[in-house]
Amino acid sequence: MLNVFLLLVMICIFLSLKSFFTPLIIDKHLTIKNFIWLAVFYSTIALGFGMIYLLLELESYTVILELGRPIEGSYLYKLATAMYFSSVTFFSVGYGDLSPVGIGRAIAAVQAFLGYVLPAAFVIKTVITFENHER
């Protein structure tokens, strides 16, 4: 069952990334529509990775350590911790209170890479689309 859920989450992340590279219709100015699209896109990626961490933790694979110890507590606590770790990994370098271990390191590395590359890709995509629209 874990494999099915992981596959579904990875498909959602892939489709979200695919939508990122489809052409956008962009106005000359920053619009609320573009801002909302970007917020939904980033939220989808952060939630998707958070679900991966949570699913692995629920199947007794330790992928996140909290202050050097495996995450313990209720389902809601694990959910909140996985989403927090995903957001901090995606949007920044991390705070140090949580750290990935095992396969979690590879997953966090991919997520951090996306967090660094996607803003630059968005700017480049916006400039190219705007230039093509102007012609």
N, C-alpha and C. Protein backbone atom coordinates (compact mmCIF):
# COMPACT_ATOMS: atom_id res chain seq x y z
N MET A 1 0.82 -1.20 0.00
CA MET A 1 0.00 0.00 0.00
C MET A 1 0.86 1.26 0.00
N LEU A 2 1.98 1.19 0.71
CA LEU A 2 2.91 2.32 0.74
C LEU A 2 3.36 2.68 -0.67
N ASN A 3 3.69 1.67 -1.47
CA ASN A 3 4.17 1.91 -2.83
C ASN A 3 3.12 2.63 -3.68
N VAL A 4 1.86 2.29 -3.49
CA VAL A 4 0.79 2.93 -4.26
C VAL A 4 0.69 4.40 -3.88
N PHE A 5 0.68 4.69 -2.58
CA PHE A 5 0.60 6.09 -2.15
C PHE A 5 1.82 6.90 -2.58
N LEU A 6 3.00 6.31 -2.45
CA LEU A 6 4.21 7.01 -2.89
C LEU A 6 4.16 7.29 -4.38
N LEU A 7 3.70 6.33 -5.16
CA LEU A 7 3.58 6.53 -6.60
C LEU A 7 2.59 7.65 -6.93
N LEU A 8 1.46 7.67 -6.24
CA LEU A 8 0.47 8.73 -6.47
C LEU A 8 1.03 10.11 -6.13
N VAL A 9 1.75 10.20 -5.02
CA VAL A 9 2.34 11.48 -4.62
C VAL A 9 3.39 11.91 -5.64
N MET A 10 4.21 10.98 -6.09
CA MET A 10 5.25 11.33 -7.07
C MET A 10 4.64 11.74 -8.41
N ILE A 11 3.53 11.12 -8.78
CA ILE A 11 2.83 11.53 -10.01
C ILE A 11 2.31 12.95 -9.87
N CYS A 12 1.75 13.28 -8.70
CA CYS A 12 1.26 14.65 -8.46
C CYS A 12 2.40 15.66 -8.54
N ILE A 13 3.53 15.33 -7.94
CA ILE A 13 4.68 16.23 -7.99
C ILE A 13 5.15 16.39 -9.43
N PHE A 14 5.23 15.28 -10.17
CA PHE A 14 5.67 15.33 -11.56
C PHE A 14 4.72 16.18 -12.40
N LEU A 15 3.42 15.99 -12.24
CA LEU A 15 2.45 16.78 -13.01
C LEU A 15 2.53 18.26 -12.65
N SER A 16 2.79 18.54 -11.39
CA SER A 16 2.95 19.93 -10.98
C SER A 16 4.19 20.54 -11.64
N LEU A 17 5.29 19.79 -11.64
CA LEU A 17 6.50 20.28 -12.31
C LEU A 17 6.28 20.42 -13.82
N LYS A 18 5.53 19.49 -14.39
CA LYS A 18 5.23 19.56 -15.83
C LYS A 18 4.44 20.82 -16.14
N SER A 19 3.47 21.15 -15.29
CA SER A 19 2.68 22.36 -15.52
C SER A 19 3.53 23.61 -15.43
N PHE A 20 4.60 23.53 -14.66
CA PHE A 20 5.51 24.67 -14.52
C PHE A 20 6.16 25.02 -15.85
N PHE A 21 6.41 24.02 -16.67
CA PHE A 21 7.12 24.25 -17.92
C PHE A 21 6.20 24.41 -19.12
N THR A 22 4.90 24.48 -18.90
CA THR A 22 3.99 24.78 -20.00
C THR A 22 3.91 26.28 -20.16
N PRO A 23 3.61 26.74 -21.36
CA PRO A 23 3.59 28.20 -21.59
C PRO A 23 2.57 28.92 -20.72
N LEU A 24 2.98 30.08 -20.25
CA LEU A 24 2.11 30.95 -19.45
C LEU A 24 1.70 32.15 -20.29
N ILE A 25 0.52 32.66 -20.03
CA ILE A 25 0.14 33.93 -20.62
C ILE A 25 0.41 34.97 -19.54
N ILE A 26 1.38 35.82 -19.79
CA ILE A 26 1.85 36.75 -18.77
C ILE A 26 1.57 38.18 -19.20
N ASP A 27 1.05 38.96 -18.27
CA ASP A 27 0.85 40.38 -18.50
C ASP A 27 2.18 41.10 -18.30
N LYS A 28 2.19 42.38 -18.65
CA LYS A 28 3.42 43.16 -18.47
C LYS A 28 3.76 43.35 -17.00
N HIS A 29 2.78 43.27 -16.15
CA HIS A 29 2.98 43.51 -14.73
C HIS A 29 2.70 42.22 -13.95
N LEU A 30 3.19 42.20 -12.73
CA LEU A 30 2.89 41.08 -11.84
C LEU A 30 1.41 41.12 -11.51
N THR A 31 0.73 40.03 -11.79
CA THR A 31 -0.70 39.99 -11.53
C THR A 31 -0.98 39.05 -10.37
N ILE A 32 -2.13 39.21 -9.77
CA ILE A 32 -2.53 38.34 -8.68
C ILE A 32 -2.72 36.92 -9.19
N LYS A 33 -3.14 36.78 -10.44
CA LYS A 33 -3.31 35.46 -11.05
C LYS A 33 -1.97 34.70 -11.09
N ASN A 34 -0.93 35.37 -11.53
CA ASN A 34 0.39 34.74 -11.58
C ASN A 34 0.91 34.43 -10.18
N PHE A 35 0.66 35.33 -9.25
CA PHE A 35 1.09 35.11 -7.87
C PHE A 35 0.38 33.90 -7.26
N ILE A 36 -0.92 33.80 -7.48
CA ILE A 36 -1.68 32.66 -6.95
C ILE A 36 -1.22 31.37 -7.60
N TRP A 37 -0.99 31.40 -8.91
CA TRP A 37 -0.50 30.20 -9.60
C TRP A 37 0.82 29.74 -8.99
N LEU A 38 1.73 30.68 -8.77
CA LEU A 38 3.04 30.34 -8.19
C LEU A 38 2.89 29.81 -6.77
N ALA A 39 2.00 30.40 -5.97
CA ALA A 39 1.78 29.94 -4.60
C ALA A 39 1.20 28.53 -4.58
N VAL A 40 0.26 28.25 -5.46
CA VAL A 40 -0.32 26.91 -5.54
C VAL A 40 0.73 25.90 -6.00
N PHE A 41 1.53 26.28 -6.96
CA PHE A 41 2.59 25.41 -7.46
C PHE A 41 3.57 25.05 -6.35
N TYR A 42 4.07 26.06 -5.65
CA TYR A 42 5.02 25.81 -4.56
C TYR A 42 4.39 24.99 -3.44
N SER A 43 3.14 25.28 -3.12
CA SER A 43 2.44 24.52 -2.07
C SER A 43 2.29 23.05 -2.46
N THR A 44 1.99 22.81 -3.71
CA THR A 44 1.84 21.43 -4.18
C THR A 44 3.14 20.66 -4.03
N ILE A 45 4.24 21.27 -4.39
CA ILE A 45 5.54 20.60 -4.28
C ILE A 45 5.88 20.35 -2.81
N ALA A 46 5.71 21.37 -1.96
CA ALA A 46 6.03 21.22 -0.54
C ALA A 46 5.14 20.17 0.12
N LEU A 47 3.84 20.18 -0.19
CA LEU A 47 2.93 19.18 0.38
C LEU A 47 3.26 17.78 -0.13
N GLY A 48 3.61 17.67 -1.39
CA GLY A 48 3.95 16.37 -1.96
C GLY A 48 5.16 15.75 -1.28
N PHE A 49 6.21 16.52 -1.11
CA PHE A 49 7.39 16.00 -0.42
C PHE A 49 7.08 15.72 1.05
N GLY A 50 6.25 16.57 1.66
CA GLY A 50 5.85 16.31 3.04
C GLY A 50 5.12 14.98 3.17
N MET A 51 4.29 14.67 2.20
CA MET A 51 3.58 13.38 2.21
C MET A 51 4.55 12.21 2.05
N ILE A 52 5.57 12.39 1.24
CA ILE A 52 6.58 11.33 1.09
C ILE A 52 7.25 11.07 2.42
N TYR A 53 7.69 12.14 3.10
CA TYR A 53 8.33 11.97 4.40
C TYR A 53 7.37 11.29 5.39
N LEU A 54 6.11 11.75 5.41
CA LEU A 54 5.13 11.20 6.34
C LEU A 54 4.87 9.72 6.06
N LEU A 55 4.66 9.36 4.80
CA LEU A 55 4.38 7.97 4.46
C LEU A 55 5.53 7.06 4.87
N LEU A 56 6.75 7.50 4.64
CA LEU A 56 7.90 6.69 5.05
C LEU A 56 7.98 6.57 6.57
N GLU A 57 7.74 7.66 7.26
CA GLU A 57 7.76 7.62 8.73
C GLU A 57 6.67 6.70 9.28
N LEU A 58 5.49 6.73 8.68
CA LEU A 58 4.40 5.88 9.14
C LEU A 58 4.67 4.40 8.88
N GLU A 59 5.51 4.11 7.89
CA GLU A 59 5.87 2.71 7.60
C GLU A 59 7.14 2.30 8.35
N SER A 60 7.50 3.05 9.37
CA SER A 60 8.63 2.77 10.26
C SER A 60 10.00 2.90 9.59
N TYR A 61 10.06 3.69 8.52
CA TYR A 61 11.35 4.07 7.95
C TYR A 61 11.72 5.41 8.57
N THR A 62 12.80 5.46 9.29
CA THR A 62 13.21 6.73 9.89
C THR A 62 13.89 7.56 8.82
N VAL A 63 13.26 8.67 8.44
CA VAL A 63 13.84 9.56 7.44
C VAL A 63 14.12 10.95 8.00
N ILE A 64 13.54 11.25 9.17
CA ILE A 64 13.75 12.55 9.81
C ILE A 64 14.08 12.31 11.28
N LEU A 65 15.12 12.99 11.73
CA LEU A 65 15.44 12.97 13.16
C LEU A 65 15.10 14.34 13.74
N GLU A 66 14.51 14.32 14.92
CA GLU A 66 14.21 15.56 15.63
C GLU A 66 15.15 15.66 16.82
N LEU A 67 16.08 16.60 16.74
CA LEU A 67 17.12 16.77 17.76
C LEU A 67 17.86 15.45 18.03
N GLY A 68 18.14 14.72 16.94
CA GLY A 68 18.91 13.49 17.04
C GLY A 68 18.12 12.24 17.35
N ARG A 69 16.80 12.36 17.50
CA ARG A 69 15.96 11.20 17.83
C ARG A 69 14.90 11.01 16.76
N PRO A 70 14.47 9.76 16.55
CA PRO A 70 13.36 9.54 15.61
C PRO A 70 12.10 10.25 16.10
N ILE A 71 11.27 10.65 15.16
CA ILE A 71 10.03 11.34 15.49
C ILE A 71 9.09 10.38 16.19
N GLU A 72 8.61 10.79 17.34
CA GLU A 72 7.64 10.00 18.09
C GLU A 72 6.43 10.87 18.38
N GLY A 73 5.29 10.24 18.50
CA GLY A 73 4.09 10.99 18.81
C GLY A 73 2.94 10.53 17.97
N SER A 74 1.88 11.30 18.02
CA SER A 74 0.65 10.96 17.31
C SER A 74 0.81 11.16 15.81
N TYR A 75 -0.19 10.71 15.08
CA TYR A 75 -0.21 10.90 13.63
C TYR A 75 -0.17 12.39 13.28
N LEU A 76 -0.95 13.19 13.99
CA LEU A 76 -0.98 14.63 13.70
C LEU A 76 0.38 15.28 13.95
N TYR A 77 1.07 14.83 14.99
CA TYR A 77 2.39 15.39 15.26
C TYR A 77 3.37 15.02 14.14
N LYS A 78 3.31 13.77 13.70
CA LYS A 78 4.18 13.34 12.60
C LYS A 78 3.83 14.08 11.31
N LEU A 79 2.55 14.29 11.06
CA LEU A 79 2.12 15.05 9.89
C LEU A 79 2.66 16.48 9.94
N ALA A 80 2.47 17.13 11.07
CA ALA A 80 2.95 18.51 11.21
C ALA A 80 4.47 18.58 11.07
N THR A 81 5.18 17.62 11.65
CA THR A 81 6.64 17.62 11.56
C THR A 81 7.10 17.38 10.13
N ALA A 82 6.46 16.45 9.43
CA ALA A 82 6.84 16.17 8.04
C ALA A 82 6.58 17.39 7.15
N MET A 83 5.45 18.06 7.34
CA MET A 83 5.14 19.25 6.53
C MET A 83 6.09 20.41 6.87
N TYR A 84 6.39 20.56 8.14
CA TYR A 84 7.35 21.60 8.55
C TYR A 84 8.72 21.33 7.94
N PHE A 85 9.19 20.08 8.04
CA PHE A 85 10.49 19.74 7.49
C PHE A 85 10.51 19.96 5.98
N SER A 86 9.44 19.58 5.30
CA SER A 86 9.35 19.77 3.86
C SER A 86 9.40 21.24 3.49
N SER A 87 8.65 22.05 4.20
CA SER A 87 8.64 23.49 3.91
C SER A 87 9.99 24.13 4.16
N VAL A 88 10.60 23.80 5.28
CA VAL A 88 11.90 24.39 5.61
C VAL A 88 12.97 23.92 4.62
N THR A 89 12.89 22.68 4.19
CA THR A 89 13.86 22.17 3.21
C THR A 89 13.64 22.83 1.86
N PHE A 90 12.40 23.03 1.47
CA PHE A 90 12.08 23.58 0.15
C PHE A 90 12.34 25.08 0.06
N PHE A 91 12.04 25.81 1.13
CA PHE A 91 12.11 27.26 1.07
C PHE A 91 13.37 27.87 1.68
N SER A 92 14.16 27.07 2.37
CA SER A 92 15.37 27.62 2.99
C SER A 92 16.39 26.53 3.18
N VAL A 93 17.37 26.81 3.97
CA VAL A 93 18.45 25.85 4.20
C VAL A 93 18.13 24.93 5.36
N GLY A 94 17.17 25.28 6.18
CA GLY A 94 16.83 24.49 7.34
C GLY A 94 17.22 25.22 8.61
N TYR A 95 16.63 24.82 9.71
CA TYR A 95 16.90 25.46 10.99
C TYR A 95 17.81 24.63 11.89
N GLY A 96 17.96 23.34 11.59
CA GLY A 96 18.82 22.49 12.39
C GLY A 96 18.10 21.66 13.43
N ASP A 97 16.82 21.94 13.67
CA ASP A 97 16.09 21.14 14.66
C ASP A 97 15.68 19.78 14.11
N LEU A 98 15.56 19.68 12.80
CA LEU A 98 15.24 18.42 12.14
C LEU A 98 16.32 18.12 11.11
N SER A 99 16.65 16.84 10.97
CA SER A 99 17.65 16.48 9.98
C SER A 99 17.27 15.17 9.30
N PRO A 100 17.54 15.07 7.99
CA PRO A 100 17.20 13.85 7.28
C PRO A 100 18.25 12.76 7.52
N VAL A 101 17.81 11.52 7.48
CA VAL A 101 18.72 10.37 7.60
C VAL A 101 18.31 9.32 6.57
N GLY A 102 19.23 8.45 6.24
CA GLY A 102 18.95 7.38 5.30
C GLY A 102 18.48 7.91 3.96
N ILE A 103 17.42 7.29 3.42
CA ILE A 103 16.87 7.70 2.14
C ILE A 103 16.31 9.12 2.21
N GLY A 104 16.01 9.59 3.42
CA GLY A 104 15.52 10.96 3.60
C GLY A 104 16.53 12.00 3.15
N ARG A 105 17.82 11.67 3.22
CA ARG A 105 18.85 12.61 2.74
C ARG A 105 18.74 12.82 1.24
N ALA A 106 18.55 11.74 0.50
CA ALA A 106 18.43 11.86 -0.96
C ALA A 106 17.16 12.62 -1.33
N ILE A 107 16.07 12.32 -0.64
CA ILE A 107 14.81 13.00 -0.92
C ILE A 107 14.94 14.49 -0.60
N ALA A 108 15.55 14.81 0.53
CA ALA A 108 15.73 16.21 0.92
C ALA A 108 16.67 16.93 -0.05
N ALA A 109 17.67 16.23 -0.56
CA ALA A 109 18.59 16.85 -1.52
C ALA A 109 17.86 17.22 -2.81
N VAL A 110 17.00 16.32 -3.28
CA VAL A 110 16.22 16.61 -4.49
C VAL A 110 15.29 17.80 -4.23
N GLN A 111 14.64 17.79 -3.08
CA GLN A 111 13.72 18.87 -2.75
C GLN A 111 14.46 20.20 -2.62
N ALA A 112 15.59 20.21 -1.95
CA ALA A 112 16.37 21.44 -1.81
C ALA A 112 16.84 21.95 -3.17
N PHE A 113 17.25 21.03 -4.04
CA PHE A 113 17.67 21.41 -5.39
C PHE A 113 16.53 22.11 -6.12
N LEU A 114 15.33 21.53 -6.03
CA LEU A 114 14.17 22.16 -6.66
C LEU A 114 13.90 23.53 -6.06
N GLY A 115 14.05 23.64 -4.74
CA GLY A 115 13.82 24.92 -4.08
C GLY A 115 14.78 26.01 -4.52
N TYR A 116 15.99 25.62 -4.91
CA TYR A 116 16.96 26.60 -5.39
C TYR A 116 16.80 26.90 -6.88
N VAL A 117 16.46 25.90 -7.67
CA VAL A 117 16.42 26.05 -9.12
C VAL A 117 15.11 26.67 -9.62
N LEU A 118 14.00 26.33 -9.01
CA LEU A 118 12.71 26.77 -9.52
C LEU A 118 12.51 28.29 -9.54
N PRO A 119 12.96 29.05 -8.54
CA PRO A 119 12.79 30.51 -8.65
C PRO A 119 13.53 31.10 -9.85
N ALA A 120 14.74 30.62 -10.10
CA ALA A 120 15.49 31.11 -11.26
C ALA A 120 14.80 30.68 -12.55
N ALA A 121 14.31 29.44 -12.59
CA ALA A 121 13.60 28.97 -13.78
C ALA A 121 12.33 29.78 -14.02
N PHE A 122 11.64 30.17 -12.94
CA PHE A 122 10.43 30.97 -13.10
C PHE A 122 10.76 32.33 -13.70
N VAL A 123 11.82 32.96 -13.22
CA VAL A 123 12.21 34.26 -13.75
C VAL A 123 12.60 34.14 -15.22
N ILE A 124 13.40 33.13 -15.54
CA ILE A 124 13.82 32.93 -16.93
C ILE A 124 12.61 32.66 -17.82
N LYS A 125 11.72 31.80 -17.35
CA LYS A 125 10.51 31.48 -18.11
C LYS A 125 9.66 32.72 -18.33
N THR A 126 9.53 33.55 -17.31
CA THR A 126 8.74 34.77 -17.41
C THR A 126 9.35 35.72 -18.43
N VAL A 127 10.66 35.90 -18.39
CA VAL A 127 11.35 36.80 -19.32
C VAL A 127 11.20 36.30 -20.75
N ILE A 128 11.43 35.01 -20.96
CA ILE A 128 11.33 34.45 -22.31
C ILE A 128 9.91 34.56 -22.83
N THR A 129 8.93 34.23 -22.00
CA THR A 129 7.53 34.33 -22.42
C THR A 129 7.16 35.76 -22.73
N PHE A 130 7.61 36.70 -21.90
CA PHE A 130 7.32 38.12 -22.12
C PHE A 130 7.94 38.60 -23.42
N GLU A 131 9.20 38.20 -23.68
CA GLU A 131 9.87 38.61 -24.92
C GLU A 131 9.18 38.03 -26.14
N ASN A 132 8.78 36.77 -26.06
CA ASN A 132 8.06 36.16 -27.19
C ASN A 132 6.70 36.81 -27.39
N HIS A 133 6.07 37.21 -26.31
CA HIS A 133 4.75 37.86 -26.40
C HIS A 133 4.87 39.25 -27.03
N GLU A 134 5.98 39.93 -26.78
CA GLU A 134 6.20 41.28 -27.31
C GLU A 134 6.43 41.27 -28.82
N ARG A 135 6.92 40.16 -29.36
CA ARG A 135 7.23 40.10 -30.80
C ARG A 135 6.01 39.94 -31.57
